[in-house]
Amino acid sequence: MRLQAMTDDAVAAAIGGRIQALRLKKNISQEEVAKEAGISRQTLLNLLHGKCTLVNLIAVLRVLSELERVS
């Protein structure tokens, strides 16, 4: 994926899609991820569609044990 060639919204949506794939791979429900991250399920859904704050993204990655992907 060539991130430089993508719009900001497209990059955000791609990141959300990757997080969704990680969640499914780990077989963790949306409700569980949201609860453990301290966010609402709607906030998680927004994140999965590329609309979120950096703090919420970090919280979800931490729940999925994938925070190291940021580096």
Protein backbone atom coordinates (compact mmCIF):
# COMPACT_ATOMS: atom_id res chain seq x y z
CA MET A 1 0.00 0.00 0.00
CA ARG A 2 1.43 3.38 -1.01
CA LEU A 3 0.34 5.64 1.82
CA GLN A 4 1.87 8.75 0.25
CA ALA A 5 -0.42 8.44 -2.75
CA MET A 6 -3.57 8.11 -0.60
CA THR A 7 -5.72 10.88 0.84
CA ASP A 8 -5.73 11.36 4.62
CA ASP A 9 -9.25 9.93 4.81
CA ALA A 10 -8.21 6.88 2.79
CA VAL A 11 -5.20 6.26 5.06
CA ALA A 12 -7.41 6.57 8.15
CA ALA A 13 -9.95 4.14 6.67
CA ALA A 14 -7.17 1.68 5.79
CA ILE A 15 -5.84 1.82 9.35
CA GLY A 16 -9.36 1.20 10.66
CA GLY A 17 -9.69 -1.79 8.35
CA ARG A 18 -6.42 -3.23 9.58
CA ILE A 19 -7.50 -2.84 13.19
CA GLN A 20 -10.77 -4.59 12.38
CA ALA A 21 -8.83 -7.46 10.79
CA LEU A 22 -6.60 -7.73 13.89
CA ARG A 23 -9.67 -7.79 16.14
CA LEU A 24 -11.26 -10.55 14.10
CA LYS A 25 -8.03 -12.55 13.95
CA LYS A 26 -7.81 -12.43 17.74
CA ASN A 27 -11.52 -13.32 17.99
CA ILE A 28 -12.33 -10.43 20.33
CA SER A 29 -15.79 -8.86 20.18
CA GLN A 30 -16.29 -5.17 19.50
CA GLU A 31 -17.95 -4.85 22.90
CA GLU A 32 -14.94 -6.37 24.66
CA VAL A 33 -12.43 -4.18 22.86
CA ALA A 34 -14.48 -1.05 23.57
CA LYS A 35 -14.93 -1.93 27.24
CA GLU A 36 -11.26 -2.73 27.81
CA ALA A 37 -10.18 0.41 25.94
CA GLY A 38 -12.55 2.55 28.00
CA ILE A 39 -14.50 3.78 25.00
CA SER A 40 -18.04 3.27 23.73
CA ARG A 41 -18.83 0.74 21.02
CA GLN A 42 -19.84 3.67 18.78
CA THR A 43 -16.42 5.26 19.29
CA LEU A 44 -14.82 1.95 18.30
CA LEU A 45 -16.99 1.79 15.18
CA ASN A 46 -15.94 5.33 14.31
CA LEU A 47 -12.29 4.29 14.73
CA LEU A 48 -12.81 1.31 12.43
CA HIS A 49 -14.16 3.74 9.82
CA GLY A 50 -11.17 6.05 10.15
CA LYS A 51 -12.70 8.64 12.47
CA CYS A 52 -11.00 8.73 15.87
CA THR A 53 -8.57 10.46 18.15
CA LEU A 54 -5.00 9.32 18.51
CA VAL A 55 -5.62 8.54 22.18
CA ASN A 56 -8.48 6.17 21.30
CA LEU A 57 -6.37 4.51 18.61
CA ILE A 58 -3.60 3.91 21.14
CA ALA A 59 -6.07 2.47 23.67
CA VAL A 60 -7.49 0.02 21.12
CA LEU A 61 -4.06 -1.05 19.90
CA ARG A 62 -3.06 -1.65 23.54
CA VAL A 63 -6.12 -3.87 24.11
CA LEU A 64 -5.25 -5.85 20.98
CA SER A 65 -1.61 -6.16 22.17
CA GLU A 66 -0.55 -4.44 18.95
CA LEU A 67 0.76 -1.10 20.22
CA GLU A 68 4.26 -1.93 18.94
CA ARG A 69 2.91 -1.62 15.37
CA VAL A 70 3.02 2.15 15.84
CA SER A 71 6.80 2.07 15.87
